[in-house]
C-alpha cells in the first residue's frame, strides 16, 4: 500500500516543513544549515565564541574560548555565568516575561501554564528553600520525579545556587537510586509522593524511602504532593515541598558561576554494566559532557 514503510532499515521519504513555518525559523532551509555547519567546522573556536557572546549573559566575560589539553577541554576560560539566569532572568526585562515558558498537561487531565516571570518566582522560592536546608554550591541533589513543572523548577533552582542535580528516571528501582546517591554522595533527594504513568499511580516516595535506607549521605528528602497518596514522612529528614516554599522568599538573585562549575551529573542506564556518571558544566552554549572516573 502506498505510503507504508516496508522496513525501518530504509526510509527515503522527505517531509519538508510548510513554507510559512520555515520562513520564521532561525535555520529555515538545508542550505542555511549547511552554511552554519561549514562555519562551525572551519573555525570551531570562533563559531562557539561568537555564539556565546551574542546569546548568553556573562557576569564576567571569558578571556579564552577553549583551552585544549588532550583529553581535557576547558571552555570559556575565566567566564562567569549562570544557567538559571540565562533561562529566566535574562528575559524579565523583555516582552518575553509574560509569554508562556511552560505549557503542561498531566496524565489525569490537569493543565497548567507558567510565564517566564511566574517560573522565575517559583524557581527563586525553591532555590531559597534548598538554601534553607543547608544545601550549597557543589552539593548534589538527586531528582526522582514525575513529569510535572516542578521537575524543571527543581533543576533550575539547583542550577541557580550551584547545587549539582542528578536526574534519575522515575521508573528506576530503589537499588538504582541508592547506587546513584552513593556514587555522587548526594546530600538531598527531591521527589513526589507519587506519579501517574499509563493510568497507574507509581508510589515514588515509597521507592525513595527504600533507597534512602541504603543512602547514608542523604540528609534531606523534599516531597512534592502530586497524588495525595498519604506517603509516610520521616521527621527531620522529609519535607513537604509546599511547606518549604510557603516560607521561602522569591528574592533569590542568581550568583555568578565559573564556566567550569559542575551543572549536572547524568548516569548511563546501567543495563549492561554498572551505571556510569557523566558530568556537565555551567556552560550552556557547548553542551559538552565529560565522563567522571567513578
Protein backbone atom coordinates (compact mmCIF):
# COMPACT_ATOMS: atom_id res chain seq x y z
CA UNK A 1 0.00 0.00 0.00
CA UNK A 2 1.34 3.44 -0.92
CA UNK A 3 2.74 5.43 1.98
CA UNK A 4 3.52 2.48 4.22
CA UNK A 5 7.01 1.72 5.48
CA UNK A 6 8.06 -1.80 4.48
CA UNK A 7 11.18 -1.77 6.62
CA UNK A 8 12.58 0.60 9.22
CA UNK A 9 16.08 -0.03 7.80
CA UNK A 10 15.36 2.02 4.66
CA UNK A 11 13.31 5.21 4.51
CA UNK A 12 13.66 7.66 1.64
CA UNK A 13 10.59 9.84 2.12
CA UNK A 14 11.11 13.51 2.88
CA UNK A 15 8.71 15.67 4.88
CA UNK A 16 9.62 19.33 4.29
CA UNK A 17 8.07 21.91 6.65
CA UNK A 18 5.43 24.28 5.26
CA UNK A 19 6.98 27.43 3.74
CA UNK A 20 5.28 29.75 6.27
CA UNK A 21 6.82 27.73 9.12
CA UNK A 22 10.29 27.61 7.56
CA UNK A 23 10.26 31.36 6.92
CA UNK A 24 10.05 32.02 10.68
CA UNK A 25 12.74 29.51 11.65
CA UNK A 26 16.24 30.60 12.68
CA UNK A 27 17.57 27.99 10.24
CA UNK A 28 14.95 27.90 7.53
CA UNK A 29 16.49 25.58 4.96
CA UNK A 30 19.02 22.82 4.43
CA UNK A 31 21.23 25.33 2.65
CA UNK A 32 21.23 27.58 5.72
CA UNK A 33 22.05 24.60 7.92
CA UNK A 34 24.94 23.53 5.68
CA UNK A 35 26.36 27.07 5.74
CA UNK A 36 26.15 27.09 9.54
CA UNK A 37 27.84 23.69 9.71
CA UNK A 38 30.69 24.80 7.45
CA UNK A 39 31.33 27.89 9.60
CA UNK A 40 31.50 25.72 12.72
CA UNK A 41 33.76 23.21 11.00
CA UNK A 42 36.13 25.84 9.61
CA UNK A 43 36.76 27.60 12.93
CA UNK A 44 35.08 25.96 15.96
CA UNK A 45 36.55 28.39 18.49
CA UNK A 46 35.33 31.47 16.64
CA UNK A 47 31.95 29.87 15.98
CA UNK A 48 31.25 28.98 19.62
CA UNK A 49 32.90 32.12 20.94
CA UNK A 50 30.71 34.37 18.78
CA UNK A 51 27.56 32.47 19.77
CA UNK A 52 28.43 32.58 23.46
CA UNK A 53 28.99 36.35 23.36
CA UNK A 54 25.81 37.02 21.37
CA UNK A 55 23.37 34.64 23.01
CA UNK A 56 24.43 34.32 26.65
CA UNK A 57 24.66 36.61 29.63
CA UNK A 58 28.07 36.75 31.30
CA UNK A 59 28.71 38.30 34.70
CA UNK A 60 32.39 38.16 33.75
CA UNK A 61 33.37 37.79 30.07
CA UNK A 62 35.61 34.85 29.22
CA UNK A 63 39.22 35.54 28.28
CA UNK A 64 39.71 32.43 26.14
CA UNK A 65 37.19 30.32 24.23
CA UNK A 66 38.94 26.94 24.53
CA UNK A 67 41.85 25.56 26.49
CA UNK A 68 42.53 22.14 24.99
CA UNK A 69 44.96 19.81 26.75
CA UNK A 70 44.03 16.39 25.41
CA UNK A 71 41.94 14.68 26.59
CA UNK A 72 40.75 17.59 28.74
CA UNK A 73 38.96 20.69 27.50
CA UNK A 74 38.06 23.90 29.28
CA UNK A 75 35.57 26.17 27.54
CA UNK A 76 35.11 29.91 28.05
CA UNK A 77 38.05 30.17 30.41
CA UNK A 78 37.63 32.89 33.04
CA UNK A 79 33.98 33.45 32.18
CA UNK A 80 31.29 33.61 34.84
CA UNK A 81 27.65 32.89 34.04
CA UNK A 82 24.57 31.19 35.48
CA UNK A 83 22.33 28.80 33.56
CA UNK A 84 19.26 29.72 35.60
CA UNK A 85 19.86 33.41 34.90
CA UNK A 86 20.16 32.76 31.17
CA UNK A 87 16.95 30.72 31.13
CA UNK A 88 14.89 33.13 33.23
CA UNK A 89 16.29 36.46 34.45
CA UNK A 90 17.62 37.42 31.03
CA UNK A 91 14.03 37.54 29.73
CA UNK A 92 12.41 39.52 32.53
CA UNK A 93 13.21 42.93 31.02
CA UNK A 94 11.81 41.93 27.63
CA UNK A 95 8.29 41.23 26.39
CA UNK A 96 9.04 37.53 26.83
CA UNK A 97 8.47 37.83 30.58
CA UNK A 98 4.71 37.48 30.03
CA UNK A 99 4.99 34.73 27.44
CA UNK A 100 4.47 31.10 28.35
CA UNK A 101 7.62 29.29 29.40
CA UNK A 102 5.90 26.01 30.33
CA UNK A 103 2.66 24.58 28.91
CA UNK A 104 1.82 21.35 30.73
CA UNK A 105 -0.93 18.76 30.76
CA UNK A 106 -0.88 15.93 33.28
CA UNK A 107 -2.00 12.40 32.60
CA UNK A 108 -5.25 12.70 34.57
CA UNK A 109 -6.01 15.82 32.51
CA UNK A 110 -4.87 18.79 34.62
CA UNK A 111 -3.45 21.76 32.73
CA UNK A 112 -1.04 24.44 33.89
CA UNK A 113 0.90 27.23 32.26
CA UNK A 114 3.74 29.30 33.69
CA UNK A 115 5.05 32.51 32.15
CA UNK A 116 8.75 33.31 32.37
CA UNK A 117 8.01 35.73 35.20
CA UNK A 118 5.94 33.15 37.10
CA UNK A 119 8.53 30.45 36.53
CA UNK A 120 11.28 32.78 37.75
CA UNK A 121 9.37 33.37 41.00
CA UNK A 122 8.82 29.63 41.57
CA UNK A 123 12.47 28.83 40.84
CA UNK A 124 13.68 31.56 43.20
CA UNK A 125 11.43 30.34 46.01
CA UNK A 126 12.55 26.75 45.64
CA UNK A 127 16.20 27.80 45.41
CA UNK A 128 15.73 29.74 48.65
CA UNK A 129 14.06 26.69 50.19
CA UNK A 130 17.01 24.47 49.26
CA UNK A 131 19.38 27.03 50.75
CA UNK A 132 17.36 27.00 53.98
CA UNK A 133 18.06 23.26 54.23
CA UNK A 134 21.79 23.97 54.11
CA UNK A 135 22.42 22.96 50.51
CA UNK A 136 25.26 24.92 48.96
CA UNK A 137 27.35 25.14 45.84
CA UNK A 138 28.94 21.79 45.00
CA UNK A 139 26.40 19.66 46.88
CA UNK A 140 24.49 17.05 44.87
CA UNK A 141 20.70 16.62 44.79
CA UNK A 142 19.06 13.58 43.19
CA UNK A 143 15.81 14.32 41.32
CA UNK A 144 13.38 11.37 41.19
CA UNK A 145 10.17 12.97 39.99
CA UNK A 146 7.21 12.58 37.65
CA UNK A 147 6.94 14.74 34.52
CA UNK A 148 5.49 17.84 36.18
CA UNK A 149 6.54 21.51 36.04
CA UNK A 150 8.23 21.11 39.42
CA UNK A 151 10.86 18.92 37.79
CA UNK A 152 12.01 21.86 35.65
CA UNK A 153 11.67 24.18 38.65
CA UNK A 154 13.91 21.91 40.74
CA UNK A 155 16.55 21.68 38.00
CA UNK A 156 16.66 25.45 37.51
CA UNK A 157 16.69 26.09 41.26
CA UNK A 158 19.66 23.77 41.71
CA UNK A 159 21.49 25.41 38.82
CA UNK A 160 20.78 28.83 40.30
CA UNK A 161 22.59 28.19 43.58
CA UNK A 162 25.26 25.84 42.23
CA UNK A 163 23.81 22.58 43.54
CA UNK A 164 24.63 19.76 41.11
CA UNK A 165 21.48 17.91 40.09
CA UNK A 166 21.27 14.26 39.11
CA UNK A 167 18.04 13.29 37.34
CA UNK A 168 17.01 9.66 37.84
CA UNK A 169 14.22 8.21 35.69
CA UNK A 170 11.01 7.85 37.71
CA UNK A 171 10.69 4.18 36.79
CA UNK A 172 14.03 3.06 38.22
CA UNK A 173 14.25 0.81 41.25
CA UNK A 174 15.26 1.72 44.80
CA UNK A 175 18.57 -0.06 44.21
CA UNK A 176 19.30 2.10 41.17
CA UNK A 177 18.51 5.28 43.13
CA UNK A 178 20.72 4.20 46.02
CA UNK A 179 23.61 3.38 43.67
CA UNK A 180 23.45 6.86 42.16
CA UNK A 181 23.03 8.55 45.56
CA UNK A 182 26.08 6.82 46.93
CA UNK A 183 28.21 7.31 43.84
CA UNK A 184 27.52 11.06 43.73
CA UNK A 185 27.42 11.43 47.54
CA UNK A 186 24.04 13.11 47.20
CA UNK A 187 23.02 15.33 50.09
CA UNK A 188 19.33 15.57 49.14
CA UNK A 189 16.66 13.76 47.16
CA UNK A 190 13.80 15.68 45.54
CA UNK A 191 10.77 13.56 44.72
CA UNK A 192 6.95 13.38 44.84
CA UNK A 193 4.57 11.25 46.84
CA UNK A 194 3.50 9.59 43.59
CA UNK A 195 3.34 9.95 39.83
CA UNK A 196 0.96 8.85 37.10
CA UNK A 197 2.01 6.66 34.19
CA UNK A 198 -0.44 4.97 31.80
CA UNK A 199 -3.27 5.28 34.30
CA UNK A 200 -1.29 3.77 37.16
CA UNK A 201 -0.13 5.65 40.24
CA UNK A 202 3.53 4.90 40.99
CA UNK A 203 4.49 5.15 44.68
CA UNK A 204 7.63 7.24 44.17
CA UNK A 205 8.09 8.18 47.81
CA UNK A 206 7.92 4.56 48.93
CA UNK A 207 10.64 3.68 46.42
CA UNK A 208 12.74 6.60 47.65
CA UNK A 209 12.30 5.52 51.28
CA UNK A 210 13.68 2.10 50.38
CA UNK A 211 16.62 3.74 48.59
CA UNK A 212 17.36 6.11 51.46
CA UNK A 213 17.77 3.18 53.83
CA UNK A 214 20.92 2.49 51.76
CA UNK A 215 21.96 6.12 51.12
CA UNK A 216 23.89 7.34 54.17
CA UNK A 217 24.96 10.68 52.63
CA UNK A 218 21.39 11.91 52.05
CA UNK A 219 20.29 14.33 54.78
CA UNK A 220 17.08 15.73 53.28
CA UNK A 221 14.19 14.48 51.17
CA UNK A 222 11.87 17.08 49.64
CA UNK A 223 8.47 15.71 48.59
CA UNK A 224 6.06 17.37 46.17
CA UNK A 225 2.43 16.45 46.86
CA UNK A 226 1.30 15.21 43.47
CA UNK A 227 -1.11 12.40 44.27
CA UNK A 228 -2.23 12.92 47.90
CA UNK A 229 -1.30 9.30 48.43
CA UNK A 230 -0.64 9.56 52.16
CA UNK A 231 3.06 8.75 51.77
CA UNK A 232 4.87 8.35 55.11
CA UNK A 233 7.17 11.21 56.13
CA UNK A 234 10.21 10.82 58.36
CA UNK A 235 10.57 13.65 60.86
CA UNK A 236 13.75 15.67 60.49
CA UNK A 237 14.61 14.23 57.08
CA UNK A 238 11.49 14.61 54.96
CA UNK A 239 9.99 17.98 54.00
CA UNK A 240 6.86 18.79 52.03
CA UNK A 241 7.66 20.99 49.03
CA UNK A 242 4.68 23.27 49.72
CA UNK A 243 5.70 23.83 53.35
CA UNK A 244 9.23 24.86 52.37
CA UNK A 245 8.08 27.15 49.56
CA UNK A 246 5.46 28.82 51.77
CA UNK A 247 8.28 30.12 53.98
CA UNK A 248 10.68 30.92 51.14
CA UNK A 249 11.47 34.23 49.50
CA UNK A 250 11.07 34.96 45.79
CA UNK A 251 14.09 37.25 46.10
CA UNK A 252 16.95 34.89 45.32
CA UNK A 253 19.48 36.54 42.98
CA UNK A 254 21.47 34.26 40.67
CA UNK A 255 25.15 34.34 41.68
CA UNK A 256 27.95 34.14 39.10
CA UNK A 257 29.37 30.65 38.50
CA UNK A 258 32.62 29.88 36.74
CA UNK A 259 32.06 28.28 33.33
CA UNK A 260 33.69 25.07 34.60
CA UNK A 261 31.36 24.83 37.61
CA UNK A 262 29.62 21.39 37.60
CA UNK A 263 25.99 21.73 36.48
CA UNK A 264 24.57 18.20 36.50
CA UNK A 265 25.51 14.52 36.58
CA UNK A 266 23.79 12.20 34.12
CA UNK A 267 24.13 8.45 34.61
CA UNK A 268 24.02 5.75 31.98
CA UNK A 269 21.17 3.28 32.37
CA UNK A 270 23.33 0.55 33.91
CA UNK A 271 21.60 -2.10 31.79
CA UNK A 272 24.87 -3.72 30.61
CA UNK A 273 27.28 -2.60 33.32
CA UNK A 274 27.37 -0.50 36.48
CA UNK A 275 25.87 2.93 35.77
CA UNK A 276 28.50 5.49 34.80
CA UNK A 277 28.15 9.15 35.76
CA UNK A 278 28.81 11.94 33.27
CA UNK A 279 29.33 15.48 34.48
CA UNK A 280 28.40 18.61 32.53
CA UNK A 281 29.49 22.11 33.39
CA UNK A 282 27.87 25.54 33.67
CA UNK A 283 28.45 26.43 30.02
CA UNK A 284 25.18 26.03 28.11
CA UNK A 285 26.47 27.00 24.67
CA UNK A 286 28.65 23.94 24.10
CA UNK A 287 26.68 21.23 25.91
CA UNK A 288 29.88 19.21 26.26
CA UNK A 289 29.93 16.25 28.64
CA UNK A 290 32.87 14.65 30.42
CA UNK A 291 32.81 11.21 31.97
CA UNK A 292 33.73 11.09 35.62
CA UNK A 293 36.09 8.45 36.97
CA UNK A 294 33.56 6.73 39.21
